[in-house]
Amino acid sequence: MEKCEHCKKTKERSEKEQKQLINRLKRIEGQVRGIRGMVENNAYCTDILIQAAAVTAALNAFNKQLLSEHIRTCVADNIREGNEEVVDELVDTLGRLMR
C-alpha cells in the first residue's frame, strides 16, 4: 500500500471495528446524497438544514467512536511503551476536533 508523506502511521483494526466504522460512513454518505437530492429538487431550506444537522451529528458519532478506540489502543499502548509524545498528538487532535 502506497502512502502519502502525511500518512506515516497506520493502525490494524479488527474486522468488527472496521466494519462498524465503514457502516457508519456508508450511512453518512447516504445522508449526504439525500441532501444533494433535496437541493436538486429545490427542497425548503429548513428541511435541508435539519438533514445537514443530522449529518453533522452522525459525523460526530463517528469521530467519538474512532477517538474512543484510538485512546484505548494507540494512545494507551504508546504510553505503556514509554512514548509520551502520543499525549501531545492527542491534545493536538482534540484541539482540531473542537474548532
PDB file of N, CA and C in Angstrom:
ATOM      1  N   MET A   1       0.837  -1.177   0.000  1.00  0.00           N
ATOM      2  CA  MET A   1       0.000   0.000   0.000  1.00  0.00           C
ATOM      3  C   MET A   1       0.885   1.245   0.000  1.00  0.00           C
ATOM      4  N   GLU A   2       0.709   2.132  -0.981  1.00  0.00           N
ATOM      5  CA  GLU A   2       1.466   3.374  -1.028  1.00  0.00           C
ATOM      6  C   GLU A   2       0.849   4.390  -0.094  1.00  0.00           C
ATOM      7  N   LYS A   3       1.692   5.179   0.549  1.00  0.00           N
ATOM      8  CA  LYS A   3       1.195   6.184   1.483  1.00  0.00           C
ATOM      9  C   LYS A   3       1.736   7.548   1.083  1.00  0.00           C
ATOM     10  N   CYS A   4       0.935   8.579   1.377  1.00  0.00           N
ATOM     11  CA  CYS A   4       1.438   9.936   1.161  1.00  0.00           C
ATOM     12  C   CYS A   4       2.374  10.278   2.317  1.00  0.00           C
ATOM     13  N   GLU A   5       3.083  11.374   2.209  1.00  0.00           N
ATOM     14  CA  GLU A   5       4.064  11.725   3.240  1.00  0.00           C
ATOM     15  C   GLU A   5       3.421  12.011   4.585  1.00  0.00           C
ATOM     16  N   HIS A   6       2.132  12.359   4.593  1.00  0.00           N
ATOM     17  CA  HIS A   6       1.449  12.674   5.852  1.00  0.00           C
ATOM     18  C   HIS A   6       0.916  11.419   6.547  1.00  0.00           C
ATOM     19  N   CYS A   7       0.836  10.311   5.836  1.00  0.00           N
ATOM     20  CA  CYS A   7       0.234   9.088   6.374  1.00  0.00           C
ATOM     21  C   CYS A   7       1.304   8.085   6.790  1.00  0.00           C
ATOM     22  N   LYS A   8       2.185   8.490   7.651  1.00  0.00           N
ATOM     23  CA  LYS A   8       3.294   7.619   8.041  1.00  0.00           C
ATOM     24  C   LYS A   8       2.853   6.530   9.008  1.00  0.00           C
ATOM     25  N   LYS A   9       1.806   6.791   9.775  1.00  0.00           N
ATOM     26  CA  LYS A   9       1.344   5.817  10.754  1.00  0.00           C
ATOM     27  C   LYS A   9       0.144   5.069  10.192  1.00  0.00           C
ATOM     28  N   THR A  10       0.015   3.836  10.618  1.00  0.00           N
ATOM     29  CA  THR A  10      -1.147   3.037  10.244  1.00  0.00           C
ATOM     30  C   THR A  10      -1.690   2.374  11.500  1.00  0.00           C
ATOM     31  N   LYS A  11      -2.859   1.787  11.386  1.00  0.00           N
ATOM     32  CA  LYS A  11      -3.477   1.095  12.522  1.00  0.00           C
ATOM     33  C   LYS A  11      -4.178  -0.132  12.001  1.00  0.00           C
ATOM     34  N   GLU A  12      -3.816  -1.275  12.535  1.00  0.00           N
ATOM     35  CA  GLU A  12      -4.514  -2.516  12.210  1.00  0.00           C
ATOM     36  C   GLU A  12      -5.785  -2.545  13.044  1.00  0.00           C
ATOM     37  N   ARG A  13      -6.932  -2.585  12.377  1.00  0.00           N
ATOM     38  CA  ARG A  13      -8.209  -2.635  13.072  1.00  0.00           C
ATOM     39  C   ARG A  13      -8.774  -4.045  12.985  1.00  0.00           C
ATOM     40  N   SER A  14      -9.519  -4.412  14.017  1.00  0.00           N
ATOM     41  CA  SER A  14     -10.200  -5.695  13.964  1.00  0.00           C
ATOM     42  C   SER A  14     -11.247  -5.623  12.859  1.00  0.00           C
ATOM     43  N   GLU A  15     -11.644  -6.781  12.378  1.00  0.00           N
ATOM     44  CA  GLU A  15     -12.663  -6.832  11.331  1.00  0.00           C
ATOM     45  C   GLU A  15     -13.954  -6.188  11.829  1.00  0.00           C
ATOM     46  N   LYS A  16     -14.293  -6.422  13.091  1.00  0.00           N
ATOM     47  CA  LYS A  16     -15.511  -5.866  13.684  1.00  0.00           C
ATOM     48  C   LYS A  16     -15.450  -4.336  13.711  1.00  0.00           C
ATOM     49  N   GLU A  17     -14.327  -3.789  14.201  1.00  0.00           N
ATOM     50  CA  GLU A  17     -14.187  -2.327  14.283  1.00  0.00           C
ATOM     51  C   GLU A  17     -14.253  -1.706  12.894  1.00  0.00           C
ATOM     52  N   GLN A  18     -13.529  -2.283  11.960  1.00  0.00           N
ATOM     53  CA  GLN A  18     -13.514  -1.753  10.607  1.00  0.00           C
ATOM     54  C   GLN A  18     -14.920  -1.771   9.996  1.00  0.00           C
ATOM     55  N   LYS A  19     -15.630  -2.865  10.209  1.00  0.00           N
ATOM     56  CA  LYS A  19     -16.984  -2.986   9.663  1.00  0.00           C
ATOM     57  C   LYS A  19     -17.906  -1.929  10.273  1.00  0.00           C
ATOM     58  N   GLN A  20     -17.806  -1.713  11.582  1.00  0.00           N
ATOM     59  CA  GLN A  20     -18.637  -0.713  12.250  1.00  0.00           C
ATOM     60  C   GLN A  20     -18.360   0.685  11.691  1.00  0.00           C
ATOM     61  N   LEU A  21     -17.087   1.025  11.545  1.00  0.00           N
ATOM     62  CA  LEU A  21     -16.731   2.350  11.037  1.00  0.00           C
ATOM     63  C   LEU A  21     -17.201   2.533   9.588  1.00  0.00           C
ATOM     64  N   ILE A  22     -16.989   1.528   8.780  1.00  0.00           N
ATOM     65  CA  ILE A  22     -17.403   1.612   7.374  1.00  0.00           C
ATOM     66  C   ILE A  22     -18.918   1.709   7.259  1.00  0.00           C
ATOM     67  N   ASN A  23     -19.647   0.958   8.090  1.00  0.00           N
ATOM     68  CA  ASN A  23     -21.108   1.049   8.058  1.00  0.00           C
ATOM     69  C   ASN A  23     -21.595   2.447   8.426  1.00  0.00           C
ATOM     70  N   ARG A  24     -20.967   3.054   9.430  1.00  0.00           N
ATOM     71  CA  ARG A  24     -21.323   4.439   9.790  1.00  0.00           C
ATOM     72  C   ARG A  24     -21.067   5.376   8.612  1.00  0.00           C
ATOM     73  N   LEU A  25     -19.911   5.208   7.982  1.00  0.00           N
ATOM     74  CA  LEU A  25     -19.571   6.085   6.859  1.00  0.00           C
ATOM     75  C   LEU A  25     -20.527   5.891   5.685  1.00  0.00           C
ATOM     76  N   LYS A  26     -20.952   4.670   5.441  1.00  0.00           N
ATOM     77  CA  LYS A  26     -21.912   4.420   4.361  1.00  0.00           C
ATOM     78  C   LYS A  26     -23.238   5.115   4.648  1.00  0.00           C
ATOM     79  N   ARG A  27     -23.674   5.076   5.910  1.00  0.00           N
ATOM     80  CA  ARG A  27     -24.915   5.767   6.267  1.00  0.00           C
ATOM     81  C   ARG A  27     -24.768   7.278   6.070  1.00  0.00           C
ATOM     82  N   ILE A  28     -23.613   7.805   6.450  1.00  0.00           N
ATOM     83  CA  ILE A  28     -23.361   9.242   6.281  1.00  0.00           C
ATOM     84  C   ILE A  28     -23.353   9.601   4.801  1.00  0.00           C
ATOM     85  N   GLU A  29     -22.701   8.770   3.991  1.00  0.00           N
ATOM     86  CA  GLU A  29     -22.697   9.006   2.540  1.00  0.00           C
ATOM     87  C   GLU A  29     -24.120   9.047   1.999  1.00  0.00           C
ATOM     88  N   GLY A  30     -24.958   8.135   2.467  1.00  0.00           N
ATOM     89  CA  GLY A  30     -26.346   8.116   2.036  1.00  0.00           C
ATOM     90  C   GLY A  30     -27.086   9.375   2.445  1.00  0.00           C
ATOM     91  N   GLN A  31     -26.811   9.844   3.659  1.00  0.00           N
ATOM     92  CA  GLN A  31     -27.444  11.081   4.117  1.00  0.00           C
ATOM     93  C   GLN A  31     -27.011  12.269   3.255  1.00  0.00           C
ATOM     94  N   VAL A  32     -25.734  12.332   2.927  1.00  0.00           N
ATOM     95  CA  VAL A  32     -25.226  13.435   2.106  1.00  0.00           C
ATOM     96  C   VAL A  32     -25.839  13.377   0.710  1.00  0.00           C
ATOM     97  N   ARG A  33     -25.941  12.187   0.146  1.00  0.00           N
ATOM     98  CA  ARG A  33     -26.594  12.050  -1.163  1.00  0.00           C
ATOM     99  C   ARG A  33     -28.048  12.504  -1.084  1.00  0.00           C
ATOM    100  N   GLY A  34     -28.706  12.194   0.031  1.00  0.00           N
ATOM    101  CA  GLY A  34     -30.082  12.634   0.234  1.00  0.00           C
ATOM    102  C   GLY A  34     -30.188  14.148   0.265  1.00  0.00           C
ATOM    103  N   ILE A  35     -29.248  14.795   0.918  1.00  0.00           N
ATOM    104  CA  ILE A  35     -29.237  16.260   0.966  1.00  0.00           C
ATOM    105  C   ILE A  35     -29.020  16.826  -0.434  1.00  0.00           C
ATOM    106  N   ARG A  36     -28.126  16.226  -1.173  1.00  0.00           N
ATOM    107  CA  ARG A  36     -27.894  16.667  -2.545  1.00  0.00           C
ATOM    108  C   ARG A  36     -29.186  16.584  -3.358  1.00  0.00           C
ATOM    109  N   GLY A  37     -29.885  15.477  -3.190  1.00  0.00           N
ATOM    110  CA  GLY A  37     -31.166  15.323  -3.881  1.00  0.00           C
ATOM    111  C   GLY A  37     -32.163  16.385  -3.463  1.00  0.00           C
ATOM    112  N   MET A  38     -32.156  16.717  -2.184  1.00  0.00           N
ATOM    113  CA  MET A  38     -33.054  17.775  -1.697  1.00  0.00           C
ATOM    114  C   MET A  38     -32.732  19.110  -2.366  1.00  0.00           C
ATOM    115  N   VAL A  39     -31.446  19.417  -2.492  1.00  0.00           N
ATOM    116  CA  VAL A  39     -31.040  20.666  -3.143  1.00  0.00           C
ATOM    117  C   VAL A  39     -31.443  20.630  -4.614  1.00  0.00           C
ATOM    118  N   GLU A  40     -31.184  19.508  -5.275  1.00  0.00           N
ATOM    119  CA  GLU A  40     -31.531  19.378  -6.698  1.00  0.00           C
ATOM    120  C   GLU A  40     -33.034  19.509  -6.927  1.00  0.00           C
ATOM    121  N   ASN A  41     -33.821  19.084  -5.930  1.00  0.00           N
ATOM    122  CA  ASN A  41     -35.282  19.137  -6.055  1.00  0.00           C
ATOM    123  C   ASN A  41     -35.890  20.365  -5.389  1.00  0.00           C
ATOM    124  N   ASN A  42     -35.026  21.334  -5.071  1.00  0.00           N
ATOM    125  CA  ASN A  42     -35.476  22.614  -4.503  1.00  0.00           C
ATOM    126  C   ASN A  42     -36.276  22.469  -3.214  1.00  0.00           C
ATOM    127  N   ALA A  43     -35.811  21.579  -2.337  1.00  0.00           N
ATOM    128  CA  ALA A  43     -36.473  21.406  -1.044  1.00  0.00           C
ATOM    129  C   ALA A  43     -36.350  22.699  -0.232  1.00  0.00           C
ATOM    130  N   TYR A  44     -37.237  22.841   0.714  1.00  0.00           N
ATOM    131  CA  TYR A  44     -37.254  24.022   1.581  1.00  0.00           C
ATOM    132  C   TYR A  44     -35.972  24.083   2.421  1.00  0.00           C
ATOM    133  N   CYS A  45     -35.456  25.280   2.581  1.00  0.00           N
ATOM    134  CA  CYS A  45     -34.156  25.488   3.262  1.00  0.00           C
ATOM    135  C   CYS A  45     -34.108  24.827   4.640  1.00  0.00           C
ATOM    136  N   THR A  46     -35.143  25.019   5.431  1.00  0.00           N
ATOM    137  CA  THR A  46     -35.150  24.469   6.784  1.00  0.00           C
ATOM    138  C   THR A  46     -35.046  22.947   6.763  1.00  0.00           C
ATOM    139  N   ASP A  47     -35.734  22.318   5.822  1.00  0.00           N
ATOM    140  CA  ASP A  47     -35.667  20.863   5.725  1.00  0.00           C
ATOM    141  C   ASP A  47     -34.248  20.392   5.406  1.00  0.00           C
ATOM    142  N   ILE A  48     -33.574  21.121   4.518  1.00  0.00           N
ATOM    143  CA  ILE A  48     -32.190  20.785   4.171  1.00  0.00           C
ATOM    144  C   ILE A  48     -31.277  20.992   5.380  1.00  0.00           C
ATOM    145  N   LEU A  49     -31.462  22.096   6.075  1.00  0.00           N
ATOM    146  CA  LEU A  49     -30.639  22.384   7.250  1.00  0.00           C
ATOM    147  C   LEU A  49     -30.799  21.311   8.328  1.00  0.00           C
ATOM    148  N   ILE A  50     -32.007  20.830   8.520  1.00  0.00           N
ATOM    149  CA  ILE A  50     -32.238  19.782   9.516  1.00  0.00           C
ATOM    150  C   ILE A  50     -31.497  18.511   9.121  1.00  0.00           C
ATOM    151  N   GLN A  51     -31.529  18.174   7.840  1.00  0.00           N
ATOM    152  CA  GLN A  51     -30.807  16.990   7.370  1.00  0.00           C
ATOM    153  C   GLN A  51     -29.294  17.193   7.479  1.00  0.00           C
ATOM    154  N   ALA A  52     -28.820  18.400   7.205  1.00  0.00           N
ATOM    155  CA  ALA A  52     -27.388  18.690   7.338  1.00  0.00           C
ATOM    156  C   ALA A  52     -26.956  18.564   8.798  1.00  0.00           C
ATOM    157  N   ALA A  53     -27.809  18.999   9.715  1.00  0.00           N
ATOM    158  CA  ALA A  53     -27.503  18.853  11.143  1.00  0.00           C
ATOM    159  C   ALA A  53     -27.431  17.375  11.526  1.00  0.00           C
ATOM    160  N   ALA A  54     -28.265  16.559  10.907  1.00  0.00           N
ATOM    161  CA  ALA A  54     -28.226  15.116  11.174  1.00  0.00           C
ATOM    162  C   ALA A  54     -26.907  14.515  10.699  1.00  0.00           C
ATOM    163  N   VAL A  55     -26.399  15.001   9.566  1.00  0.00           N
ATOM    164  CA  VAL A  55     -25.101  14.526   9.064  1.00  0.00           C
ATOM    165  C   VAL A  55     -23.989  14.943  10.027  1.00  0.00           C
ATOM    166  N   THR A  56     -24.065  16.172  10.512  1.00  0.00           N
ATOM    167  CA  THR A  56     -23.072  16.640  11.481  1.00  0.00           C
ATOM    168  C   THR A  56     -23.090  15.756  12.728  1.00  0.00           C
ATOM    169  N   ALA A  57     -24.271  15.431  13.220  1.00  0.00           N
ATOM    170  CA  ALA A  57     -24.387  14.558  14.399  1.00  0.00           C
ATOM    171  C   ALA A  57     -23.818  13.171  14.099  1.00  0.00           C
ATOM    172  N   ALA A  58     -24.085  12.661  12.900  1.00  0.00           N
ATOM    173  CA  ALA A  58     -23.568  11.343  12.523  1.00  0.00           C
ATOM    174  C   ALA A  58     -22.048  11.361  12.435  1.00  0.00           C
ATOM    175  N   LEU A  59     -21.473  12.427  11.883  1.00  0.00           N
ATOM    176  CA  LEU A  59     -20.014  12.540  11.822  1.00  0.00           C
ATOM    177  C   LEU A  59     -19.418  12.659  13.225  1.00  0.00           C
ATOM    178  N   ASN A  60     -20.102  13.390  14.100  1.00  0.00           N
ATOM    179  CA  ASN A  60     -19.624  13.493  15.481  1.00  0.00           C
ATOM    180  C   ASN A  60     -19.636  12.132  16.169  1.00  0.00           C
ATOM    181  N   ALA A  61     -20.670  11.335  15.916  1.00  0.00           N
ATOM    182  CA  ALA A  61     -20.734   9.991  16.491  1.00  0.00           C
ATOM    183  C   ALA A  61     -19.609   9.117  15.940  1.00  0.00           C
ATOM    184  N   PHE A  62     -19.329   9.246  14.640  1.00  0.00           N
ATOM    185  CA  PHE A  62     -18.215   8.522  14.028  1.00  0.00           C
ATOM    186  C   PHE A  62     -16.900   8.914  14.703  1.00  0.00           C
ATOM    187  N   ASN A  63     -16.667  10.232  14.838  1.00  0.00           N
ATOM    188  CA  ASN A  63     -15.440  10.718  15.472  1.00  0.00           C
ATOM    189  C   ASN A  63     -15.318  10.226  16.911  1.00  0.00           C
ATOM    190  N   LYS A  64     -16.434  10.229  17.636  1.00  0.00           N
ATOM    191  CA  LYS A  64     -16.421   9.779  19.027  1.00  0.00           C
ATOM    192  C   LYS A  64     -16.030   8.307  19.111  1.00  0.00           C
ATOM    193  N   GLN A  65     -16.593   7.492  18.240  1.00  0.00           N
ATOM    194  CA  GLN A  65     -16.262   6.060  18.230  1.00  0.00           C
ATOM    195  C   GLN A  65     -14.790   5.851  17.889  1.00  0.00           C
ATOM    196  N   LEU A  66     -14.317   6.538  16.854  1.00  0.00           N
ATOM    197  CA  LEU A  66     -12.922   6.381  16.425  1.00  0.00           C
ATOM    198  C   LEU A  66     -11.959   6.900  17.485  1.00  0.00           C
ATOM    199  N   LEU A  67     -12.272   8.039  18.081  1.00  0.00           N
ATOM    200  CA  LEU A  67     -11.408   8.612  19.115  1.00  0.00           C
ATOM    201  C   LEU A  67     -11.352   7.706  20.339  1.00  0.00           C
ATOM    202  N   SER A  68     -12.483   7.160  20.715  1.00  0.00           N
ATOM    203  CA  SER A  68     -12.525   6.250  21.864  1.00  0.00           C
ATOM    204  C   SER A  68     -11.609   5.047  21.642  1.00  0.00           C
ATOM    205  N   GLU A  69     -11.715   4.456  20.468  1.00  0.00           N
ATOM    206  CA  GLU A  69     -10.872   3.302  20.142  1.00  0.00           C
ATOM    207  C   GLU A  69      -9.398   3.710  20.076  1.00  0.00           C
ATOM    208  N   HIS A  70      -9.135   4.889  19.536  1.00  0.00           N
ATOM    209  CA  HIS A  70      -7.757   5.388  19.443  1.00  0.00           C
ATOM    210  C   HIS A  70      -7.135   5.526  20.833  1.00  0.00           C
ATOM    211  N   ILE A  71      -7.884   6.098  21.754  1.00  0.00           N
ATOM    212  CA  ILE A  71      -7.364   6.283  23.114  1.00  0.00           C
ATOM    213  C   ILE A  71      -7.131   4.938  23.787  1.00  0.00           C
ATOM    214  N   ARG A  72      -8.084   4.019  23.627  1.00  0.00           N
ATOM    215  CA  ARG A  72      -7.966   2.707  24.279  1.00  0.00           C
ATOM    216  C   ARG A  72      -6.824   1.864  23.721  1.00  0.00           C
ATOM    217  N   THR A  73      -6.483   2.075  22.470  1.00  0.00           N
ATOM    218  CA  THR A  73      -5.456   1.227  21.859  1.00  0.00           C
ATOM    219  C   THR A  73      -4.177   2.016  21.603  1.00  0.00           C
ATOM    220  N   CYS A  74      -4.171   2.840  20.592  1.00  0.00           N
ATOM    221  CA  CYS A  74      -2.946   3.537  20.164  1.00  0.00           C
ATOM    222  C   CYS A  74      -2.317   4.356  21.291  1.00  0.00           C
ATOM    223  N   VAL A  75      -3.126   5.185  21.931  1.00  0.00           N
ATOM    224  CA  VAL A  75      -2.584   6.066  22.974  1.00  0.00           C
ATOM    225  C   VAL A  75      -2.112   5.237  24.162  1.00  0.00           C
ATOM    226  N   ALA A  76      -2.960   4.344  24.647  1.00  0.00           N
ATOM    227  CA  ALA A  76      -2.592   3.533  25.817  1.00  0.00           C
ATOM    228  C   ALA A  76      -1.350   2.691  25.542  1.00  0.00           C
ATOM    229  N   ASP A  77      -1.297   2.059  24.370  1.00  0.00           N
ATOM    230  CA  ASP A  77      -0.128   1.228  24.034  1.00  0.00           C
ATOM    231  C   ASP A  77       1.149   2.057  23.980  1.00  0.00           C
ATOM    232  N   ASN A  78       1.073   3.234  23.369  1.00  0.00           N
ATOM    233  CA  ASN A  78       2.251   4.092  23.274  1.00  0.00           C
ATOM    234  C   ASN A  78       2.721   4.550  24.648  1.00  0.00           C
ATOM    235  N   ILE A  79       1.802   4.896  25.517  1.00  0.00           N
ATOM    236  CA  ILE A  79       2.184   5.326  26.869  1.00  0.00           C
ATOM    237  C   ILE A  79       2.841   4.165  27.614  1.00  0.00           C
ATOM    238  N   ARG A  80       2.268   2.968  27.493  1.00  0.00           N
ATOM    239  CA  ARG A  80       2.866   1.789  28.145  1.00  0.00           C
ATOM    240  C   ARG A  80       4.285   1.536  27.644  1.00  0.00           C
ATOM    241  N   GLU A  81       4.533   1.859  26.361  1.00  0.00           N
ATOM    242  CA  GLU A  81       5.858   1.656  25.773  1.00  0.00           C
ATOM    243  C   GLU A  81       6.802   2.826  26.044  1.00  0.00           C
ATOM    244  N   GLY A  82       6.331   3.825  26.809  1.00  0.00           N
ATOM    245  CA  GLY A  82       7.178   4.951  27.168  1.00  0.00           C
ATOM    246  C   GLY A  82       7.170   6.092  26.160  1.00  0.00           C
ATOM    247  N   ASN A  83       6.347   6.012  25.139  1.00  0.00           N
ATOM    248  CA  ASN A  83       6.261   7.069  24.131  1.00  0.00           C
ATOM    249  C   ASN A  83       5.174   8.056  24.532  1.00  0.00           C
ATOM    250  N   GLU A  84       5.564   9.056  25.278  1.00  0.00           N
ATOM    251  CA  GLU A  84       4.588  10.024  25.771  1.00  0.00           C
ATOM    252  C   GLU A  84       4.318  11.131  24.762  1.00  0.00           C
ATOM    253  N   GLU A  85       5.008  11.122  23.624  1.00  0.00           N
ATOM    254  CA  GLU A  85       4.714  12.095  22.563  1.00  0.00           C
ATOM    255  C   GLU A  85       3.283  11.923  22.070  1.00  0.00           C
ATOM    256  N   VAL A  86       2.750  10.725  22.254  1.00  0.00           N
ATOM    257  CA  VAL A  86       1.388  10.443  21.803  1.00  0.00           C
ATOM    258  C   VAL A  86       0.378  11.309  22.561  1.00  0.00           C
ATOM    259  N   VAL A  87       0.715  11.731  23.769  1.00  0.00           N
ATOM    260  CA  VAL A  87      -0.185  12.609  24.525  1.00  0.00           C
ATOM    261  C   VAL A  87      -0.276  13.964  23.834  1.00  0.00           C
ATOM    262  N   ASP A  88       0.853  14.502  23.399  1.00  0.00           N
ATOM    263  CA  ASP A  88       0.843  15.774  22.666  1.00  0.00           C
ATOM    264  C   ASP A  88       0.050  15.643  21.370  1.00  0.00           C
ATOM    265  N   GLU A  89       0.209  14.515  20.691  1.00  0.00           N
ATOM    266  CA  GLU A  89      -0.539  14.261  19.464  1.00  0.00           C
ATOM    267  C   GLU A  89      -2.040  14.235  19.753  1.00  0.00           C
ATOM    268  N   LEU A  90      -2.430  13.593  20.862  1.00  0.00           N
ATOM    269  CA  LEU A  90      -3.834  13.515  21.239  1.00  0.00           C
ATOM    270  C   LEU A  90      -4.388  14.902  21.565  1.00  0.00           C
ATOM    271  N   VAL A  91      -3.634  15.683  22.312  1.00  0.00           N
ATOM    272  CA  VAL A  91      -4.073  17.037  22.653  1.00  0.00           C
ATOM    273  C   VAL A  91      -4.255  17.863  21.378  1.00  0.00           C
ATOM    274  N   ASP A  92      -3.320  17.744  20.439  1.00  0.00           N
ATOM    275  CA  ASP A  92      -3.429  18.451  19.163  1.00  0.00           C
ATOM    276  C   ASP A  92      -4.674  17.993  18.396  1.00  0.00           C
ATOM    277  N   THR A  93      -4.902  16.700  18.366  1.00  0.00           N
ATOM    278  CA  THR A  93      -6.072  16.154  17.673  1.00  0.00           C
ATOM    279  C   THR A  93      -7.362  16.665  18.303  1.00  0.00           C
ATOM    280  N   LEU A  94      -7.442  16.642  19.623  1.00  0.00           N
ATOM    281  CA  LEU A  94      -8.634  17.140  20.312  1.00  0.00           C
ATOM    282  C   LEU A  94      -8.858  18.618  20.002  1.00  0.00           C
ATOM    283  N   GLY A  95      -7.776  19.385  19.962  1.00  0.00           N
ATOM    284  CA  GLY A  95      -7.890  20.807  19.607  1.00  0.00           C
ATOM    285  C   GLY A  95      -8.474  20.991  18.230  1.00  0.00           C
ATOM    286  N   ARG A  96      -8.057  20.164  17.293  1.00  0.00           N
ATOM    287  CA  ARG A  96      -8.577  20.261  15.917  1.00  0.00           C
ATOM    288  C   ARG A  96     -10.047  19.859  15.850  1.00  0.00           C
ATOM    289  N   LEU A  97     -10.420  18.862  16.637  1.00  0.00           N
ATOM    290  CA  LEU A  97     -11.810  18.410  16.642  1.00  0.00           C
ATOM    291  C   LEU A  97     -12.752  19.425  17.274  1.00  0.00           C
ATOM    292  N   MET A  98     -12.224  20.242  18.156  1.00  0.00           N
ATOM    293  CA  MET A  98     -13.074  21.191  18.888  1.00  0.00           C
ATOM    294  C   MET A  98     -13.151  22.574  18.265  1.00  0.00           C
ATOM    295  N   ARG A  99     -12.611  22.719  17.089  1.00  0.00           N
ATOM    296  CA  ARG A  99     -12.680  24.029  16.417  1.00  0.00           C
ATOM    297  C   ARG A  99     -14.088  24.371  16.041  1.00  0.00           C
TER     298      ARG A  99
END
